[in-house]
PDB file of N, CA and C in Angstrom:
ATOM      1  N   MET A   1      12.924  -2.913 -12.232  1.00  0.00           N
ATOM      2  CA  MET A   1      11.589  -2.495 -11.863  1.00  0.00           C
ATOM      3  C   MET A   1      11.148  -3.275 -10.631  1.00  0.00           C
ATOM      4  N   ILE A   2      10.467  -2.631  -9.720  1.00  0.00           N
ATOM      5  CA  ILE A   2      10.020  -3.291  -8.515  1.00  0.00           C
ATOM      6  C   ILE A   2       8.701  -3.999  -8.749  1.00  0.00           C
ATOM      7  N   LYS A   3       8.391  -4.941  -7.865  1.00  0.00           N
ATOM      8  CA  LYS A   3       7.134  -5.668  -7.968  1.00  0.00           C
ATOM      9  C   LYS A   3       5.981  -4.771  -7.546  1.00  0.00           C
ATOM     10  N   GLN A   4       4.862  -4.952  -8.184  1.00  0.00           N
ATOM     11  CA  GLN A   4       3.679  -4.174  -7.861  1.00  0.00           C
ATOM     12  C   GLN A   4       2.794  -4.946  -6.886  1.00  0.00           C
ATOM     13  N   ILE A   5       2.153  -4.227  -6.000  1.00  0.00           N
ATOM     14  CA  ILE A   5       1.231  -4.816  -5.047  1.00  0.00           C
ATOM     15  C   ILE A   5      -0.096  -5.066  -5.756  1.00  0.00           C
ATOM     16  N   LYS A   6      -0.697  -6.241  -5.501  1.00  0.00           N
ATOM     17  CA  LYS A   6      -1.871  -6.612  -6.265  1.00  0.00           C
ATOM     18  C   LYS A   6      -3.185  -6.468  -5.512  1.00  0.00           C
ATOM     19  N   THR A   7      -3.212  -6.805  -4.247  1.00  0.00           N
ATOM     20  CA  THR A   7      -4.484  -6.771  -3.531  1.00  0.00           C
ATOM     21  C   THR A   7      -4.661  -5.470  -2.759  1.00  0.00           C
ATOM     22  N   LEU A   8      -5.899  -5.153  -2.471  1.00  0.00           N
ATOM     23  CA  LEU A   8      -6.219  -3.945  -1.729  1.00  0.00           C
ATOM     24  C   LEU A   8      -5.666  -4.017  -0.301  1.00  0.00           C
ATOM     25  N   LYS A   9      -5.738  -5.200   0.302  1.00  0.00           N
ATOM     26  CA  LYS A   9      -5.222  -5.374   1.664  1.00  0.00           C
ATOM     27  C   LYS A   9      -3.708  -5.133   1.702  1.00  0.00           C
ATOM     28  N   GLN A  10      -3.001  -5.603   0.692  1.00  0.00           N
ATOM     29  CA  GLN A  10      -1.553  -5.358   0.617  1.00  0.00           C
ATOM     30  C   GLN A  10      -1.265  -3.864   0.476  1.00  0.00           C
ATOM     31  N   LYS A  11      -2.049  -3.179  -0.320  1.00  0.00           N
ATOM     32  CA  LYS A  11      -1.861  -1.732  -0.502  1.00  0.00           C
ATOM     33  C   LYS A  11      -2.078  -0.978   0.800  1.00  0.00           C
ATOM     34  N   ARG A  12      -3.136  -1.332   1.505  1.00  0.00           N
ATOM     35  CA  ARG A  12      -3.415  -0.671   2.784  1.00  0.00           C
ATOM     36  C   ARG A  12      -2.306  -0.933   3.791  1.00  0.00           C
ATOM     37  N   TYR A  13      -1.860  -2.173   3.850  1.00  0.00           N
ATOM     38  CA  TYR A  13      -0.799  -2.542   4.789  1.00  0.00           C
ATOM     39  C   TYR A  13       0.513  -1.836   4.434  1.00  0.00           C
ATOM     40  N   SER A  14       0.828  -1.760   3.162  1.00  0.00           N
ATOM     41  CA  SER A  14       2.062  -1.073   2.750  1.00  0.00           C
ATOM     42  C   SER A  14       1.961   0.425   3.015  1.00  0.00           C
ATOM     43  N   ASN A  15       0.772   1.009   2.832  1.00  0.00           N
ATOM     44  CA  ASN A  15       0.590   2.431   3.148  1.00  0.00           C
ATOM     45  C   ASN A  15       0.741   2.697   4.641  1.00  0.00           C
ATOM     46  N   LEU A  16       0.274   1.776   5.452  1.00  0.00           N
ATOM     47  CA  LEU A  16       0.423   1.902   6.896  1.00  0.00           C
ATOM     48  C   LEU A  16       1.895   1.857   7.301  1.00  0.00           C
ATOM     49  N   ILE A  17       2.641   0.949   6.724  1.00  0.00           N
ATOM     50  CA  ILE A  17       4.078   0.847   7.012  1.00  0.00           C
ATOM     51  C   ILE A  17       4.816   2.074   6.476  1.00  0.00           C
ATOM     52  N   ASN A  18       4.420   2.528   5.302  1.00  0.00           N
ATOM     53  CA  ASN A  18       5.014   3.737   4.729  1.00  0.00           C
ATOM     54  C   ASN A  18       4.795   4.932   5.651  1.00  0.00           C
ATOM     55  N   TYR A  19       3.579   5.103   6.125  1.00  0.00           N
ATOM     56  CA  TYR A  19       3.255   6.189   7.043  1.00  0.00           C
ATOM     57  C   TYR A  19       4.096   6.092   8.316  1.00  0.00           C
ATOM     58  N   PHE A  20       4.193   4.895   8.871  1.00  0.00           N
ATOM     59  CA  PHE A  20       4.942   4.701  10.108  1.00  0.00           C
ATOM     60  C   PHE A  20       6.408   5.099   9.946  1.00  0.00           C
ATOM     61  N   PHE A  21       7.048   4.624   8.887  1.00  0.00           N
ATOM     62  CA  PHE A  21       8.477   4.908   8.720  1.00  0.00           C
ATOM     63  C   PHE A  21       8.745   6.366   8.361  1.00  0.00           C
ATOM     64  N   ASN A  22       7.880   6.966   7.584  1.00  0.00           N
ATOM     65  CA  ASN A  22       8.061   8.394   7.311  1.00  0.00           C
ATOM     66  C   ASN A  22       7.954   9.207   8.595  1.00  0.00           C
ATOM     67  N   LYS A  23       6.993   8.869   9.418  1.00  0.00           N
ATOM     68  CA  LYS A  23       6.832   9.554  10.701  1.00  0.00           C
ATOM     69  C   LYS A  23       8.019   9.269  11.622  1.00  0.00           C
ATOM     70  N   LEU A  24       8.456   8.034  11.670  1.00  0.00           N
ATOM     71  CA  LEU A  24       9.578   7.650  12.531  1.00  0.00           C
ATOM     72  C   LEU A  24      10.864   8.363  12.127  1.00  0.00           C
ATOM     73  N   PHE A  25      11.119   8.455  10.836  1.00  0.00           N
ATOM     74  CA  PHE A  25      12.352   9.107  10.379  1.00  0.00           C
ATOM     75  C   PHE A  25      12.323  10.610  10.636  1.00  0.00           C
ATOM     76  N   ILE A  26      11.159  11.193  10.780  1.00  0.00           N
ATOM     77  CA  ILE A  26      11.067  12.616  11.112  1.00  0.00           C
ATOM     78  C   ILE A  26      11.193  12.829  12.622  1.00  0.00           C
ATOM     79  N   VAL A  27      10.412  12.078  13.392  1.00  0.00           N
ATOM     80  CA  VAL A  27      10.374  12.268  14.844  1.00  0.00           C
ATOM     81  C   VAL A  27      11.626  11.725  15.521  1.00  0.00           C
ATOM     82  N   ASP A  28      12.022  10.541  15.149  1.00  0.00           N
ATOM     83  CA  ASP A  28      13.134   9.858  15.801  1.00  0.00           C
ATOM     84  C   ASP A  28      14.434  10.045  15.014  1.00  0.00           C
ATOM     85  N   ASN A  29      14.561  11.167  14.365  1.00  0.00           N
ATOM     86  CA  ASN A  29      15.700  11.403  13.479  1.00  0.00           C
ATOM     87  C   ASN A  29      16.926  11.827  14.284  1.00  0.00           C
ATOM     88  N   LYS A  30      17.900  10.933  14.328  1.00  0.00           N
ATOM     89  CA  LYS A  30      19.159  11.230  15.015  1.00  0.00           C
ATOM     90  C   LYS A  30      20.172  11.875  14.063  1.00  0.00           C
ATOM     91  N   PHE A  31      19.825  11.905  12.791  1.00  0.00           N
ATOM     92  CA  PHE A  31      20.718  12.458  11.781  1.00  0.00           C
ATOM     93  C   PHE A  31      20.315  13.902  11.525  1.00  0.00           C
ATOM     94  N   LYS A  32      21.156  14.808  11.886  1.00  0.00           N
ATOM     95  CA  LYS A  32      20.818  16.229  11.739  1.00  0.00           C
ATOM     96  C   LYS A  32      21.042  16.700  10.303  1.00  0.00           C
ATOM     97  N   ASN A  33      20.146  17.548   9.843  1.00  0.00           N
ATOM     98  CA  ASN A  33      20.217  18.141   8.503  1.00  0.00           C
ATOM     99  C   ASN A  33      20.206  17.096   7.393  1.00  0.00           C
ATOM    100  N   ILE A  34      19.545  15.983   7.637  1.00  0.00           N
ATOM    101  CA  ILE A  34      19.446  14.918   6.649  1.00  0.00           C
ATOM    102  C   ILE A  34      17.968  14.593   6.454  1.00  0.00           C
ATOM    103  N   LEU A  35      17.576  14.468   5.208  1.00  0.00           N
ATOM    104  CA  LEU A  35      16.198  14.125   4.878  1.00  0.00           C
ATOM    105  C   LEU A  35      16.136  12.654   4.483  1.00  0.00           C
ATOM    106  N   ILE A  36      15.318  11.903   5.204  1.00  0.00           N
ATOM    107  CA  ILE A  36      15.119  10.483   4.904  1.00  0.00           C
ATOM    108  C   ILE A  36      13.627  10.292   4.664  1.00  0.00           C
ATOM    109  N   SER A  37      13.283   9.733   3.532  1.00  0.00           N
ATOM    110  CA  SER A  37      11.870   9.494   3.254  1.00  0.00           C
ATOM    111  C   SER A  37      11.681   8.121   2.624  1.00  0.00           C
ATOM    112  N   VAL A  38      10.527   7.554   2.882  1.00  0.00           N
ATOM    113  CA  VAL A  38      10.173   6.255   2.313  1.00  0.00           C
ATOM    114  C   VAL A  38       9.475   6.510   0.992  1.00  0.00           C
ATOM    115  N   VAL A  39      10.004   5.917  -0.047  1.00  0.00           N
ATOM    116  CA  VAL A  39       9.465   6.118  -1.390  1.00  0.00           C
ATOM    117  C   VAL A  39       8.383   5.084  -1.700  1.00  0.00           C
ATOM    118  N   TYR A  40       8.632   3.841  -1.342  1.00  0.00           N
ATOM    119  CA  TYR A  40       7.702   2.766  -1.690  1.00  0.00           C
ATOM    120  C   TYR A  40       7.909   1.610  -0.723  1.00  0.00           C
ATOM    121  N   VAL A  41       6.830   0.901  -0.411  1.00  0.00           N
ATOM    122  CA  VAL A  41       6.903  -0.293   0.431  1.00  0.00           C
ATOM    123  C   VAL A  41       6.234  -1.438  -0.312  1.00  0.00           C
ATOM    124  N   TYR A  42       6.970  -2.523  -0.479  1.00  0.00           N
ATOM    125  CA  TYR A  42       6.412  -3.726  -1.104  1.00  0.00           C
ATOM    126  C   TYR A  42       6.194  -4.775  -0.023  1.00  0.00           C
ATOM    127  N   ILE A  43       5.021  -5.383  -0.010  1.00  0.00           N
ATOM    128  CA  ILE A  43       4.679  -6.457   0.922  1.00  0.00           C
ATOM    129  C   ILE A  43       4.342  -7.693   0.091  1.00  0.00           C
ATOM    130  N   ASN A  44       4.889  -8.850   0.476  1.00  0.00           N
ATOM    131  CA  ASN A  44       4.548 -10.048  -0.279  1.00  0.00           C
ATOM    132  C   ASN A  44       3.156 -10.543   0.109  1.00  0.00           C
ATOM    133  N   LYS A  45       2.673 -11.589  -0.533  1.00  0.00           N
ATOM    134  CA  LYS A  45       1.286 -12.020  -0.378  1.00  0.00           C
ATOM    135  C   LYS A  45       0.937 -12.511   1.017  1.00  0.00           C
ATOM    136  N   ASN A  46       1.869 -13.146   1.702  1.00  0.00           N
ATOM    137  CA  ASN A  46       1.549 -13.636   3.049  1.00  0.00           C
ATOM    138  C   ASN A  46       2.016 -12.684   4.155  1.00  0.00           C
ATOM    139  N   TYR A  47       2.417 -11.477   3.790  1.00  0.00           N
ATOM    140  CA  TYR A  47       2.764 -10.396   4.721  1.00  0.00           C
ATOM    141  C   TYR A  47       3.950 -10.712   5.630  1.00  0.00           C
ATOM    142  N   SER A  48       4.785 -11.619   5.225  1.00  0.00           N
ATOM    143  CA  SER A  48       5.927 -11.979   6.069  1.00  0.00           C
ATOM    144  C   SER A  48       7.209 -11.257   5.661  1.00  0.00           C
ATOM    145  N   TYR A  49       7.184 -10.585   4.524  1.00  0.00           N
ATOM    146  CA  TYR A  49       8.380  -9.930   4.011  1.00  0.00           C
ATOM    147  C   TYR A  49       8.002  -8.569   3.433  1.00  0.00           C
ATOM    148  N   SER A  50       8.799  -7.561   3.759  1.00  0.00           N
ATOM    149  CA  SER A  50       8.575  -6.242   3.177  1.00  0.00           C
ATOM    150  C   SER A  50       9.889  -5.668   2.676  1.00  0.00           C
ATOM    151  N   ASN A  51       9.807  -4.998   1.573  1.00  0.00           N
ATOM    152  CA  ASN A  51      10.964  -4.312   1.020  1.00  0.00           C
ATOM    153  C   ASN A  51      10.642  -2.816   1.052  1.00  0.00           C
ATOM    154  N   ILE A  52      11.435  -2.063   1.792  1.00  0.00           N
ATOM    155  CA  ILE A  52      11.180  -0.643   2.007  1.00  0.00           C
ATOM    156  C   ILE A  52      12.235   0.152   1.251  1.00  0.00           C
ATOM    157  N   TYR A  53      11.777   0.919   0.266  1.00  0.00           N
ATOM    158  CA  TYR A  53      12.686   1.725  -0.548  1.00  0.00           C
ATOM    159  C   TYR A  53      12.752   3.123   0.050  1.00  0.00           C
ATOM    160  N   ILE A  54      13.959   3.557   0.396  1.00  0.00           N
ATOM    161  CA  ILE A  54      14.123   4.860   1.029  1.00  0.00           C
ATOM    162  C   ILE A  54      14.998   5.770   0.184  1.00  0.00           C
ATOM    163  N   SER A  55      14.807   7.040   0.397  1.00  0.00           N
ATOM    164  CA  SER A  55      15.585   8.066  -0.275  1.00  0.00           C
ATOM    165  C   SER A  55      16.266   8.912   0.790  1.00  0.00           C
ATOM    166  N   ILE A  56      17.541   9.202   0.584  1.00  0.00           N
ATOM    167  CA  ILE A  56      18.322   9.965   1.555  1.00  0.00           C
ATOM    168  C   ILE A  56      18.954  11.153   0.848  1.00  0.00           C
ATOM    169  N   TYR A  57      18.800  12.316   1.474  1.00  0.00           N
ATOM    170  CA  TYR A  57      19.375  13.536   0.920  1.00  0.00           C
ATOM    171  C   TYR A  57      20.088  14.284   2.040  1.00  0.00           C
ATOM    172  N   PRO A  58      21.251  14.792   1.895  1.00  0.00           N
ATOM    173  CA  PRO A  58      22.126  14.919   0.730  1.00  0.00           C
ATOM    174  C   PRO A  58      22.858  13.606   0.425  1.00  0.00           C
ATOM    175  N   ASN A  59      23.270  13.474  -0.796  1.00  0.00           N
ATOM    176  CA  ASN A  59      23.870  12.231  -1.279  1.00  0.00           C
ATOM    177  C   ASN A  59      25.238  11.913  -0.682  1.00  0.00           C
ATOM    178  N   LYS A  60      25.932  12.897  -0.174  1.00  0.00           N
ATOM    179  CA  LYS A  60      27.286  12.604   0.303  1.00  0.00           C
ATOM    180  C   LYS A  60      27.293  11.747   1.563  1.00  0.00           C
ATOM    181  N   TYR A  61      26.179  11.698   2.318  1.00  0.00           N
ATOM    182  CA  TYR A  61      26.083  10.852   3.509  1.00  0.00           C
ATOM    183  C   TYR A  61      25.219   9.616   3.285  1.00  0.00           C
ATOM    184  N   LYS A  62      24.808   9.392   2.085  1.00  0.00           N
ATOM    185  CA  LYS A  62      23.824   8.358   1.773  1.00  0.00           C
ATOM    186  C   LYS A  62      24.243   6.968   2.254  1.00  0.00           C
ATOM    187  N   ASN A  63      25.426   6.521   1.903  1.00  0.00           N
ATOM    188  CA  ASN A  63      25.850   5.164   2.262  1.00  0.00           C
ATOM    189  C   ASN A  63      26.039   4.983   3.761  1.00  0.00           C
ATOM    190  N   GLU A  64      26.597   5.980   4.398  1.00  0.00           N
ATOM    191  CA  GLU A  64      26.809   5.915   5.849  1.00  0.00           C
ATOM    192  C   GLU A  64      25.477   5.803   6.598  1.00  0.00           C
ATOM    193  N   ILE A  65      24.531   6.623   6.246  1.00  0.00           N
ATOM    194  CA  ILE A  65      23.230   6.621   6.918  1.00  0.00           C
ATOM    195  C   ILE A  65      22.443   5.360   6.578  1.00  0.00           C
ATOM    196  N   PHE A  66      22.538   4.940   5.338  1.00  0.00           N
ATOM    197  CA  PHE A  66      21.837   3.725   4.929  1.00  0.00           C
ATOM    198  C   PHE A  66      22.341   2.518   5.721  1.00  0.00           C
ATOM    199  N   ASN A  67      23.627   2.434   5.943  1.00  0.00           N
ATOM    200  CA  ASN A  67      24.184   1.333   6.739  1.00  0.00           C
ATOM    201  C   ASN A  67      23.705   1.393   8.184  1.00  0.00           C
ATOM    202  N   LYS A  68      23.586   2.589   8.741  1.00  0.00           N
ATOM    203  CA  LYS A  68      23.069   2.732  10.107  1.00  0.00           C
ATOM    204  C   LYS A  68      21.612   2.288  10.182  1.00  0.00           C
ATOM    205  N   ILE A  69      20.839   2.615   9.180  1.00  0.00           N
ATOM    206  CA  ILE A  69      19.430   2.205   9.148  1.00  0.00           C
ATOM    207  C   ILE A  69      19.325   0.690   9.046  1.00  0.00           C
ATOM    208  N   LYS A  70      20.122   0.086   8.201  1.00  0.00           N
ATOM    209  CA  LYS A  70      20.100  -1.370   8.060  1.00  0.00           C
ATOM    210  C   LYS A  70      20.523  -2.065   9.347  1.00  0.00           C
ATOM    211  N   ASN A  71      21.469  -1.480  10.065  1.00  0.00           N
ATOM    212  CA  ASN A  71      21.928  -2.084  11.317  1.00  0.00           C
ATOM    213  C   ASN A  71      20.880  -1.988  12.428  1.00  0.00           C
ATOM    214  N   LYS A  72      19.973  -1.026  12.317  1.00  0.00           N
ATOM    215  CA  LYS A  72      18.937  -0.851  13.331  1.00  0.00           C
ATOM    216  C   LYS A  72      17.613  -1.522  12.923  1.00  0.00           C
ATOM    217  N   LYS A  73      17.691  -2.483  12.045  1.00  0.00           N
ATOM    218  CA  LYS A  73      16.508  -3.151  11.516  1.00  0.00           C
ATOM    219  C   LYS A  73      15.644  -3.769  12.628  1.00  0.00           C
ATOM    220  N   ASN A  74      16.270  -4.406  13.613  1.00  0.00           N
ATOM    221  CA  ASN A  74      15.511  -5.032  14.702  1.00  0.00           C
ATOM    222  C   ASN A  74      14.822  -3.992  15.578  1.00  0.00           C
ATOM    223  N   TYR A  75      15.473  -2.879  15.795  1.00  0.00           N
ATOM    224  CA  TYR A  75      14.871  -1.782  16.551  1.00  0.00           C
ATOM    225  C   TYR A  75      13.621  -1.268  15.835  1.00  0.00           C
ATOM    226  N   TYR A  76      13.712  -1.082  14.516  1.00  0.00           N
ATOM    227  CA  TYR A  76      12.576  -0.601  13.735  1.00  0.00           C
ATOM    228  C   TYR A  76      11.438  -1.628  13.712  1.00  0.00           C
ATOM    229  N   LYS A  77      11.788  -2.895  13.690  1.00  0.00           N
ATOM    230  CA  LYS A  77      10.762  -3.935  13.698  1.00  0.00           C
ATOM    231  C   LYS A  77      10.002  -3.936  15.030  1.00  0.00           C
ATOM    232  N   LYS A  78      10.714  -3.724  16.120  1.00  0.00           N
ATOM    233  CA  LYS A  78      10.072  -3.652  17.426  1.00  0.00           C
ATOM    234  C   LYS A  78       9.147  -2.434  17.509  1.00  0.00           C
ATOM    235  N   LYS A  79       9.616  -1.286  17.021  1.00  0.00           N
ATOM    236  CA  LYS A  79       8.789  -0.076  17.000  1.00  0.00           C
ATOM    237  C   LYS A  79       7.543  -0.282  16.135  1.00  0.00           C
ATOM    238  N   LEU A  80       7.713  -0.957  15.014  1.00  0.00           N
ATOM    239  CA  LEU A  80       6.580  -1.233  14.124  1.00  0.00           C
ATOM    240  C   LEU A  80       5.550  -2.126  14.818  1.00  0.00           C
ATOM    241  N   SER A  81       5.999  -3.119  15.548  1.00  0.00           N
ATOM    242  CA  SER A  81       5.067  -4.008  16.252  1.00  0.00           C
ATOM    243  C   SER A  81       4.284  -3.245  17.324  1.00  0.00           C
ATOM    244  N   ILE A  82       4.924  -2.279  17.972  1.00  0.00           N
ATOM    245  CA  ILE A  82       4.222  -1.448  18.957  1.00  0.00           C
ATOM    246  C   ILE A  82       3.189  -0.565  18.252  1.00  0.00           C
ATOM    247  N   PHE A  83       3.572  -0.004  17.112  1.00  0.00           N
ATOM    248  CA  PHE A  83       2.670   0.851  16.341  1.00  0.00           C
ATOM    249  C   PHE A  83       1.443   0.070  15.853  1.00  0.00           C
ATOM    250  N   LEU A  84       1.663  -1.149  15.387  1.00  0.00           N
ATOM    251  CA  LEU A  84       0.567  -1.965  14.869  1.00  0.00           C
ATOM    252  C   LEU A  84      -0.208  -2.668  15.982  1.00  0.00           C
ATOM    253  N   LYS A  85       0.288  -2.566  17.198  1.00  0.00           N
ATOM    254  CA  LYS A  85      -0.365  -3.130  18.385  1.00  0.00           C
ATOM    255  C   LYS A  85      -0.595  -4.630  18.245  1.00  0.00           C
ATOM    256  N   ASN A  86       0.323  -5.296  17.577  1.00  0.00           N
ATOM    257  CA  ASN A  86       0.300  -6.750  17.401  1.00  0.00           C
ATOM    258  C   ASN A  86      -0.998  -7.270  16.784  1.00  0.00           C
ATOM    259  N   LYS A  87      -1.667  -6.430  16.000  1.00  0.00           N
ATOM    260  CA  LYS A  87      -2.891  -6.847  15.313  1.00  0.00           C
ATOM    261  C   LYS A  87      -2.592  -7.476  13.961  1.00  0.00           C
ATOM    262  N   PHE A  88      -1.431  -7.191  13.426  1.00  0.00           N
ATOM    263  CA  PHE A  88      -1.053  -7.686  12.110  1.00  0.00           C
ATOM    264  C   PHE A  88       0.224  -8.513  12.223  1.00  0.00           C
ATOM    265  N   ILE A  89       0.509  -9.250  11.189  1.00  0.00           N
ATOM    266  CA  ILE A  89       1.789  -9.948  11.095  1.00  0.00           C
ATOM    267  C   ILE A  89       2.869  -8.892  10.905  1.00  0.00           C
ATOM    268  N   ILE A  90       3.929  -8.993  11.660  1.00  0.00           N
ATOM    269  CA  ILE A  90       5.032  -8.050  11.525  1.00  0.00           C
ATOM    270  C   ILE A  90       6.012  -8.635  10.507  1.00  0.00           C
ATOM    271  N   PRO A  91       6.160  -7.989   9.364  1.00  0.00           N
ATOM    272  CA  PRO A  91       7.001  -8.564   8.315  1.00  0.00           C
ATOM    273  C   PRO A  91       8.491  -8.400   8.596  1.00  0.00           C
ATOM    274  N   GLU A  92       9.260  -9.229   7.951  1.00  0.00           N
ATOM    275  CA  GLU A  92      10.710  -9.074   7.960  1.00  0.00           C
ATOM    276  C   GLU A  92      11.024  -7.813   7.155  1.00  0.00           C
ATOM    277  N   LEU A  93      11.831  -6.937   7.715  1.00  0.00           N
ATOM    278  CA  LEU A  93      12.120  -5.656   7.068  1.00  0.00           C
ATOM    279  C   LEU A  93      13.399  -5.751   6.249  1.00  0.00           C
ATOM    280  N   ASN A  94      13.308  -5.281   5.038  1.00  0.00           N
ATOM    281  CA  ASN A  94      14.473  -5.209   4.171  1.00  0.00           C
ATOM    282  C   ASN A  94      14.507  -3.803   3.577  1.00  0.00           C
ATOM    283  N   PHE A  95      15.555  -3.069   3.879  1.00  0.00           N
ATOM    284  CA  PHE A  95      15.677  -1.695   3.378  1.00  0.00           C
ATOM    285  C   PHE A  95      16.516  -1.678   2.107  1.00  0.00           C
ATOM    286  N   SER A  96      16.094  -0.856   1.159  1.00  0.00           N
ATOM    287  CA  SER A  96      16.824  -0.669  -0.085  1.00  0.00           C
ATOM    288  C   SER A  96      16.835   0.823  -0.421  1.00  0.00           C
ATOM    289  N   LEU A  97      17.902   1.238  -1.060  1.00  0.00           N
ATOM    290  CA  LEU A  97      17.952   2.619  -1.536  1.00  0.00           C
ATOM    291  C   LEU A  97      17.121   2.730  -2.807  1.00  0.00           C
ATOM    292  N   SER A  98      16.376   3.794  -2.914  1.00  0.00           N
ATOM    293  CA  SER A  98      15.562   3.977  -4.107  1.00  0.00           C
ATOM    294  C   SER A  98      16.452   4.368  -5.279  1.00  0.00           C
ATOM    295  N   ASN A  99      15.966   4.072  -6.456  1.00  0.00           N
ATOM    296  CA  ASN A  99      16.680   4.472  -7.670  1.00  0.00           C
ATOM    297  C   ASN A  99      15.652   4.896  -8.706  1.00  0.00           C
ATOM    298  N   LYS A 100      16.098   5.267  -9.871  1.00  0.00           N
ATOM    299  CA  LYS A 100      15.192   5.808 -10.895  1.00  0.00           C
ATOM    300  C   LYS A 100      14.192   4.791 -11.404  1.00  0.00           C
ATOM    301  N   LYS A 101      14.473   3.510 -11.274  1.00  0.00           N
ATOM    302  CA  LYS A 101      13.558   2.490 -11.778  1.00  0.00           C
ATOM    303  C   LYS A 101      12.226   2.498 -11.042  1.00  0.00           C
ATOM    304  N   ILE A 102      12.216   2.951  -9.821  1.00  0.00           N
ATOM    305  CA  ILE A 102      10.981   2.982  -9.040  1.00  0.00           C
ATOM    306  C   ILE A 102      10.007   3.985  -9.628  1.00  0.00           C
ATOM    307  N   PHE A 103      10.503   5.087 -10.137  1.00  0.00           N
ATOM    308  CA  PHE A 103       9.633   6.138 -10.606  1.00  0.00           C
ATOM    309  C   PHE A 103       9.132   5.927 -12.030  1.00  0.00           C
ATOM    310  N   ASN A 104       9.594   4.912 -12.721  1.00  0.00           N
ATOM    311  CA  ASN A 104       9.142   4.663 -14.091  1.00  0.00           C
ATOM    312  C   ASN A 104       7.805   3.973 -14.095  1.00  0.00           C
TER     313      ASN A 104
END
C-alpha cells in the first residue's frame, strides 16, 4: 500500500505534478500508440521527494518504455521546474509502475 498524503498543501502540490506529467506524456509523447498516464503522486512532507506511479498500456512494451522514462528523469525535472516557474521546491522524481495495491 502506498503512503497517503496528509496535508492540503501536499495534495495540491501532488495534483499539480500529476496534471503536469499527464499533459507532458500526451503532448511530448514520443511513443506511438502507447498510453501513459499518471495514477498517483506522493510528495513527502518537506517536498524534496516525489514518487510518481504511472500506468502504461499496452503491457507488452511496459518495461521498455518504463526504462526510457526513468532514464529521462533529469529532463522531466527540468521541464517541471519550467512549468512551476521556480516558485516551488522541485522534488527529486522517482517513477514507479502502478499495481493493484494503489487502487485498494
